Protein backbone atom coordinates (compact mmCIF):
# COMPACT_ATOMS: atom_id res chain seq x y z
CA MET A 1 51.90 -16.49 -57.01
CA THR A 2 49.16 -14.96 -59.17
CA TRP A 3 45.55 -15.91 -59.51
CA ALA A 4 46.22 -17.52 -62.87
CA GLU A 5 49.05 -19.60 -61.41
CA ALA A 6 46.94 -20.70 -58.47
CA PHE A 7 43.83 -21.42 -60.46
CA PRO A 8 44.82 -22.00 -64.10
CA SER A 9 41.54 -23.50 -65.23
CA THR A 10 39.51 -24.25 -62.15
CA PRO A 11 35.78 -24.47 -62.88
CA PHE A 12 34.87 -23.58 -59.27
CA CYS A 13 32.21 -21.02 -58.42
CA PRO A 14 33.41 -17.50 -57.50
CA HIS A 15 32.73 -17.92 -53.77
CA ILE A 16 34.94 -21.00 -53.50
CA ARG A 17 37.69 -19.26 -55.45
CA VAL A 18 37.69 -16.31 -53.06
CA TRP A 19 37.83 -18.60 -50.04
CA ILE A 20 40.80 -20.53 -51.44
CA TYR A 21 42.60 -17.30 -52.30
CA LEU A 22 42.17 -15.89 -48.78
CA ASN A 23 43.58 -19.04 -47.24
CA LEU A 24 46.63 -18.86 -49.44
CA LEU A 25 47.06 -15.18 -48.59
CA MET A 26 46.99 -15.91 -44.83
CA GLU A 27 49.84 -18.41 -45.30
CA TYR A 28 52.11 -15.82 -46.98
CA ILE A 29 51.56 -12.99 -44.41
CA SER A 30 54.32 -12.59 -41.82
CA TRP A 31 52.37 -11.99 -38.60
CA ASP A 32 55.48 -11.42 -36.48
CA LYS A 33 56.44 -8.41 -38.55
CA THR A 34 52.90 -7.11 -38.50
CA ILE A 35 52.64 -7.27 -34.70
CA GLN A 36 56.03 -5.66 -34.34
CA THR A 37 54.95 -2.82 -36.63
CA PHE A 38 51.88 -2.07 -34.55
CA GLY A 39 53.88 -2.30 -31.34
CA ASP A 40 56.25 0.41 -32.53
CA MET A 41 53.51 2.88 -33.28
CA ASP A 42 53.31 6.14 -31.23
CA TYR A 43 50.24 6.30 -28.98
CA SER A 44 50.96 9.66 -27.37
CA PRO A 45 48.01 12.08 -26.98
CA THR A 46 46.99 13.78 -30.17
CA THR A 47 47.99 17.41 -30.32
CA THR A 48 46.51 20.36 -32.11
CA LYS A 49 48.39 22.58 -34.50
CA SER A 50 49.13 24.99 -31.71
CA GLY A 51 50.81 22.25 -29.73
CA GLY A 52 48.17 21.88 -26.95
CA HIS A 53 46.31 18.70 -26.06
CA LEU A 54 42.74 18.23 -27.14
CA PRO A 55 40.28 19.02 -24.34
CA THR A 56 38.91 16.08 -22.37
CA PRO A 57 35.18 15.53 -22.99
CA PRO A 58 33.00 16.49 -20.03
CA ARG A 59 31.69 13.79 -17.74
CA SER A 60 28.19 12.69 -18.56
CA ILE A 61 25.57 13.93 -16.09
CA ASN A 62 23.38 10.88 -16.38
CA ASP A 63 25.97 8.15 -15.87
CA SER A 64 24.72 4.62 -16.06
CA PRO A 65 24.63 2.96 -12.63
CA PRO A 66 27.50 0.56 -12.06
CA ALA A 67 26.73 -3.09 -12.46
CA ASN A 68 26.49 -5.13 -9.29
CA THR A 69 29.43 -7.44 -9.85
CA GLY A 70 29.98 -8.28 -6.20
CA LYS A 71 33.41 -6.62 -6.23
CA LEU A 72 34.59 -3.72 -4.13
CA ASN A 73 34.62 -0.32 -5.76
CA LEU A 74 38.24 0.80 -5.43
CA ASN A 75 37.80 3.98 -7.45
CA PRO A 76 39.43 6.77 -5.39
CA ASP A 77 37.36 9.41 -7.20
CA ALA A 78 34.03 7.91 -6.10
CA GLU A 79 31.98 10.23 -3.91
CA THR A 80 30.52 9.10 -0.57
CA ILE A 81 27.19 10.73 0.29
CA LEU A 82 26.14 10.99 3.94
CA SER A 83 22.62 12.00 4.97
CA ILE A 84 22.73 14.19 8.07
CA SER A 85 19.82 15.77 9.91
CA THR A 86 19.39 19.47 9.19
CA THR A 87 18.58 20.08 12.86
CA PHE A 88 20.84 17.62 14.64
CA PHE A 89 24.15 18.04 12.82
CA SER A 90 27.62 17.95 14.33
CA ASN A 91 27.95 21.73 14.83
CA ALA A 92 24.41 22.38 16.06
CA HIS A 93 24.19 24.62 19.13
CA HIS A 94 21.30 23.04 21.02
CA ARG A 95 23.47 22.96 24.14
CA ALA A 96 26.58 24.77 25.31
CA ARG A 97 28.84 22.01 24.08
CA GLN A 98 28.86 20.06 20.85
CA PRO A 99 27.15 16.66 20.47
CA ASP A 100 29.19 13.70 21.63
CA ILE A 101 27.39 10.83 19.90
CA ALA A 102 25.59 10.16 16.61
CA LEU A 103 22.45 8.09 16.05
CA LEU A 104 21.96 6.28 12.76
CA SER A 105 18.40 5.59 11.60
CA THR A 106 17.34 2.58 9.56
CA ASP A 107 17.34 4.67 6.36
CA SER A 108 20.95 5.82 7.00
CA VAL A 109 20.42 9.34 8.34
CA TYR A 110 22.80 10.61 11.04
CA PHE A 111 21.60 12.57 14.06
CA TYR A 112 24.28 14.19 16.25
CA VAL A 113 22.98 14.48 19.82
CA HIS A 114 24.12 14.78 23.42
CA SER A 115 24.25 11.54 25.35
CA ASP A 116 23.48 13.22 28.69
CA VAL A 117 20.28 14.75 27.29
CA LEU A 118 19.00 11.40 26.06
CA LEU A 119 20.04 9.54 29.20
CA LYS A 120 18.28 12.12 31.36
CA ALA A 121 15.05 11.79 29.37
CA SER A 122 15.19 7.97 29.30
CA ASN A 123 14.91 5.45 32.09
CA ASN A 124 16.34 2.52 30.09
CA GLN A 125 19.45 4.06 28.47
CA PHE A 126 17.47 4.82 25.34
CA ARG A 127 16.41 1.21 24.84
CA GLY A 128 19.81 0.06 26.06
CA ILE A 129 21.56 1.63 23.07
CA ILE A 130 23.53 4.42 24.77
CA PRO A 131 26.07 3.49 27.47
CA THR A 132 26.22 5.52 30.64
CA LYS A 133 29.88 6.42 30.07
CA ILE A 134 31.39 7.23 26.70
CA LEU A 135 35.18 7.34 26.65
CA ARG A 136 36.83 9.02 23.68
CA ASP A 137 39.52 11.56 22.94
CA GLU A 138 38.63 15.06 21.87
CA ASP A 139 40.12 14.55 18.40
CA GLU A 140 38.16 11.35 17.81
CA GLU A 141 34.91 11.23 15.89
CA GLN A 142 31.64 10.78 17.74
CA PRO A 143 30.65 7.14 18.22
CA VAL A 144 27.71 6.04 16.13
CA PHE A 145 24.81 4.00 17.54
CA ALA A 146 22.23 2.38 15.29
CA VAL A 147 18.59 3.02 16.21
CA PRO A 148 15.86 0.75 14.77
CA GLU A 149 13.63 3.65 13.70
CA SER A 150 13.13 5.53 10.47
CA SER A 151 14.57 9.01 10.17
CA SER A 152 11.14 10.65 10.18
CA VAL A 153 10.10 8.97 13.45
CA LEU A 154 13.49 9.49 15.10
CA ASN A 155 13.43 13.14 14.05
CA VAL A 156 10.11 13.77 15.82
CA LEU A 157 11.26 11.82 18.88
CA LEU A 158 14.49 13.82 19.24
CA HIS A 159 12.67 17.13 18.71
CA ALA A 160 10.30 16.18 21.53
CA ILE A 161 13.17 15.29 23.88
CA TYR A 162 14.99 18.56 23.12
CA GLU A 163 11.67 20.46 23.35
CA LEU A 164 12.08 21.79 19.81
CA SER A 165 9.34 22.32 17.25
CA CYS A 166 9.37 20.05 14.20
CA ALA A 167 6.36 21.74 12.58
CA HIS A 168 8.50 23.05 9.72
CA TYR A 169 9.08 19.44 8.63
CA ALA A 170 5.28 18.98 8.36
CA PRO A 171 5.35 15.37 9.56
CA PRO A 172 2.20 13.39 8.69
CA PHE A 173 -0.13 12.28 11.45
CA ASP A 174 0.96 8.64 11.20
CA THR A 175 4.56 9.70 11.85
CA LEU A 176 3.53 11.68 14.91
CA VAL A 177 1.60 8.71 16.27
CA ALA A 178 4.56 6.39 15.61
CA ALA A 179 6.88 8.77 17.48
CA VAL A 180 4.56 8.92 20.49
CA GLU A 181 4.19 5.13 20.47
CA ALA A 182 8.00 4.80 20.40
CA MET A 183 8.53 6.94 23.49
CA PRO A 184 7.81 4.21 26.07
CA VAL A 185 10.06 1.84 24.12
CA TYR A 186 13.00 4.22 24.58
CA GLY A 187 12.14 4.91 28.21
CA VAL A 188 10.76 8.41 27.58
CA ASP A 189 7.86 9.56 29.78
CA VAL A 190 5.01 10.44 27.43
CA LYS A 191 3.06 12.59 29.91
CA ALA A 192 6.15 14.58 30.89
CA THR A 193 7.21 15.08 27.28
CA ILE A 194 3.83 15.97 25.74
CA LYS A 195 2.77 18.66 28.16
CA PRO A 196 0.66 21.71 27.18
CA SER A 197 3.74 23.92 26.89
CA ALA A 198 5.60 21.46 24.63
CA PRO A 199 5.80 22.13 20.86
CA LEU A 200 4.72 18.56 20.12
CA PHE A 201 1.52 19.12 22.10
CA ASN A 202 0.47 21.98 19.82
CA LEU A 203 1.48 20.05 16.72
CA LEU A 204 -0.67 17.09 17.73
CA LEU A 205 -3.58 19.35 18.62
CA SER A 206 -3.45 20.92 15.15
CA GLN A 207 -4.33 17.49 13.75
CA ALA A 208 -7.58 17.27 15.76
CA PRO A 209 -9.91 18.63 13.04
CA LEU A 210 -8.63 16.01 10.57
CA PHE A 211 -8.12 13.00 12.87
CA PRO A 212 -10.37 13.55 15.93
CA PHE A 213 -11.02 9.90 16.79
CA GLN A 214 -7.40 8.82 16.28
CA LEU A 215 -5.97 11.70 18.29
CA TYR A 216 -8.46 11.24 21.11
CA ALA A 217 -7.61 7.53 21.23
CA LEU A 218 -3.90 8.35 21.32
CA ALA A 219 -4.39 10.81 24.17
CA ALA A 220 -6.59 8.36 26.06
CA GLN A 221 -4.13 5.50 25.61
CA HIS A 222 -1.35 7.50 27.28
CA ASP A 223 -3.64 9.34 29.71
CA LEU A 224 -2.93 12.74 28.15
CA PHE A 225 -5.97 14.44 29.65
CA ASP A 226 -4.87 17.94 28.66
CA LEU A 227 -4.74 16.80 25.03
CA ALA A 228 -7.94 14.76 25.15
CA VAL A 229 -10.06 17.65 26.46
CA PRO A 230 -9.68 20.04 23.49
CA THR A 231 -9.73 17.12 21.06
CA SER A 232 -13.12 15.94 22.35
CA SER A 233 -14.82 19.11 21.09
CA HIS A 234 -13.99 18.04 17.53
CA LEU A 235 -15.80 14.75 18.13
CA LEU A 236 -19.19 16.43 18.61
CA ALA A 237 -19.73 16.54 14.84
CA VAL A 238 -18.73 12.89 14.38
CA PRO A 239 -21.36 10.21 14.98
CA LEU A 240 -20.29 7.68 17.57
CA SER A 241 -21.37 4.93 15.19
CA ARG A 242 -18.08 5.48 13.36
CA LEU A 243 -16.15 4.43 16.43
CA THR A 244 -14.37 1.15 15.65
CA ASP A 245 -13.63 -1.62 18.13
CA GLU A 246 -9.91 -0.96 17.83
CA LEU A 247 -10.28 2.72 18.71
CA ALA A 248 -12.64 1.93 21.56
CA GLU A 249 -10.14 -0.55 22.98
CA ARG A 250 -7.33 2.01 22.75
CA MET A 251 -9.46 4.63 24.49
CA GLY A 252 -10.19 2.42 27.45
CA ALA A 253 -13.29 2.40 29.62
CA VAL A 254 -12.69 5.75 31.35
CA TYR A 255 -12.17 7.93 28.30
CA LEU A 256 -14.82 6.09 26.31
CA LYS A 257 -17.36 6.74 29.07
CA ARG A 258 -16.41 10.41 29.14
CA LEU A 259 -16.98 10.68 25.40
CA LEU A 260 -20.37 8.95 25.59
CA PHE A 261 -21.47 11.17 28.45
CA LEU A 262 -20.39 14.24 26.50
CA HIS A 263 -22.60 13.36 23.54
CA SER A 264 -25.59 12.22 25.57
CA GLY A 265 -25.28 15.08 28.06
CA ARG A 266 -25.34 17.77 25.37
CA THR A 267 -28.27 16.11 23.62
CA GLU A 268 -30.34 15.97 26.80
CA ALA A 269 -29.40 19.53 27.68
CA LEU A 270 -30.61 20.80 24.30
CA LYS A 271 -33.90 18.94 24.66
CA ARG A 272 -34.42 20.51 28.05
CA ILE A 273 -33.66 23.99 26.74
CA LEU A 274 -35.97 23.64 23.74
CA GLY A 275 -38.83 22.34 25.92
CA ALA A 276 -39.29 25.71 27.65
CA ALA A 277 -41.73 27.83 25.62
CA PRO A 278 -41.85 31.66 25.71
CA HIS A 279 -43.45 33.10 28.85
CA PRO A 280 -46.93 34.58 28.25
CA HIS A 281 -47.36 38.27 28.82
CA PRO A 282 -50.18 39.83 30.80
CA PRO A 283 -53.46 39.81 28.83
CA THR A 284 -54.34 42.92 26.91
CA ALA A 285 -57.42 44.12 25.03
CA ASN A 286 -55.97 42.80 21.74
CA CYS A 287 -54.20 39.62 23.03
CA ASP A 288 -55.59 37.54 25.86
CA PHE A 289 -54.42 34.16 27.16
CA PRO A 290 -56.32 32.06 24.60
CA ALA A 291 -54.77 34.13 21.80
CA GLN A 292 -51.29 33.55 23.15
CA LYS A 293 -51.70 29.79 22.80
CA SER A 294 -50.86 30.17 19.11
CA VAL A 295 -47.32 31.20 20.10
CA GLY A 296 -46.96 28.02 22.18
CA ARG A 297 -48.22 25.83 19.30
CA ALA A 298 -45.80 27.44 16.81
CA TRP A 299 -42.95 26.98 19.27
CA ALA A 300 -43.81 23.31 19.81
CA LEU A 301 -43.83 22.63 16.04
CA ALA A 302 -40.51 24.38 15.49
CA THR A 303 -38.77 22.64 18.38
CA ALA A 304 -40.18 19.26 17.32
CA TYR A 305 -38.52 19.79 13.94
CA LEU A 306 -35.20 20.50 15.65
CA MET A 307 -35.46 17.53 18.01
CA TRP A 308 -36.13 15.20 15.08
CA ASP A 309 -32.52 15.65 13.96
CA ILE A 310 -30.96 16.79 17.20
CA ARG A 311 -27.17 16.66 17.35
CA PRO A 312 -24.67 17.52 20.09
CA ASP A 313 -22.88 19.91 17.71
CA LEU A 314 -26.00 21.89 16.73
CA SER A 315 -24.90 25.49 16.29
CA THR A 316 -26.51 28.50 17.95
CA ARG A 317 -26.98 30.05 14.51
CA THR A 318 -29.13 27.10 13.46
CA LEU A 319 -31.30 27.51 16.55
CA ASP A 320 -31.70 31.23 16.04
CA SER A 321 -32.58 30.90 12.34
CA ALA A 322 -35.17 28.19 13.08
CA LEU A 323 -36.99 29.94 15.95
CA ARG A 324 -36.74 33.69 15.41
CA PRO A 325 -38.83 33.74 12.17
CA LEU A 326 -41.87 32.60 14.23
CA GLY A 327 -42.36 36.23 15.27
CA GLU A 328 -42.98 37.34 11.70
CA HIS A 329 -46.50 35.85 11.82
CA LEU A 330 -47.48 37.44 15.14
CA ALA A 331 -49.57 40.61 15.25
CA CYS A 332 -49.09 41.28 18.96
CA GLU A 333 -45.96 43.22 19.80
CA ASP A 334 -45.84 41.81 23.32
CA CYS A 335 -45.83 38.28 21.92
CA LYS A 336 -43.04 39.20 19.52
CA ASN A 337 -40.96 40.62 22.36
CA ALA A 338 -41.55 37.54 24.54
CA LEU A 339 -40.58 35.24 21.67
CA GLY A 340 -37.45 37.24 20.88
CA GLN A 341 -36.36 37.22 24.51
CA ARG A 342 -36.90 33.46 24.76
CA VAL A 343 -34.81 32.80 21.64
CA LYS A 344 -32.05 35.02 22.98
CA ASN A 345 -32.01 33.20 26.34
CA LEU A 346 -32.05 29.83 24.56
CA VAL A 347 -28.98 30.71 22.49
CA VAL A 348 -27.13 31.86 25.60
CA GLU A 349 -28.06 28.73 27.55
CA TRP A 350 -26.97 26.42 24.73
CA SER A 351 -23.65 28.21 24.29
CA MET A 352 -22.92 27.68 27.99
CA VAL A 353 -23.35 23.89 27.84
CA LYS A 354 -20.00 22.14 28.22
CA ARG A 355 -18.46 21.18 24.85
CA THR A 356 -15.60 19.00 26.12
CA ILE A 357 -15.20 15.99 28.35
């Protein structure tokens, strides 16, 4: 049927004519033959003129993440990534034999360790996680036990138990504190683990210039006297007014009293040292006793200036630079020598005052 036969003299608009024509065309098409034609087509891989297959495009580097459809990923080519400690891995030689268990942190990092080492260091089976007897065949994988700690905290804790240094990881101070606080939870003796010869002891002590109050409170809380003593010297430059109630409570009465006595004791000692003026020399024709009183007055003014802002961390250099210039205004050589000797003795006496608890 032609267009003229279908629409001999139809006054319809062009759009309606096209629509009617398409409907008639759909009625005359044999869809069975069309589908059969497409079904018989050859879908084999396209080949080049040389007969080889076209190369497969490379896999995109930045693949889009798969949608969370709630279905299992059954793709056999999918890669499984395991995070394993670079120190405590399965073939690590920290002991004569290989690790027999694995600990899994909360952020899915595996630590391969020896059960006998952890059980020996713990008095509660490592928080009741590790059984006393582990039965497995030699060809079986190590059993895995979940530990409710982050990998950073567990890493420091295991290094301390094995007496290994974790300084190369550069753990922040908060992580070190969290590891020490976790030791009693896992039955680990803090005083026996953080001893002066332990690597963790030196790592904690290196944080004293930056966190003196916090480290001193940590040492006081666990009665780590050997750690609190060198840390207390870094507290001389810190006013005790910055001490918070929380830190004071963690320190306890004994260590807080020691810190207060350290500050007050050094302050009183410096006042006592500064109060002693230079000894007068025997009178001479050019400098008698009344003339030597000027040295005492100058000394009193200079020491009063120092006592106005006296601090327990006052350096010997500050004392020397404040008192030695007094001799520049003296005409008597004996007075100059007496003043110089007194300043020298003062610096020595102040340097001998105890700087730690």
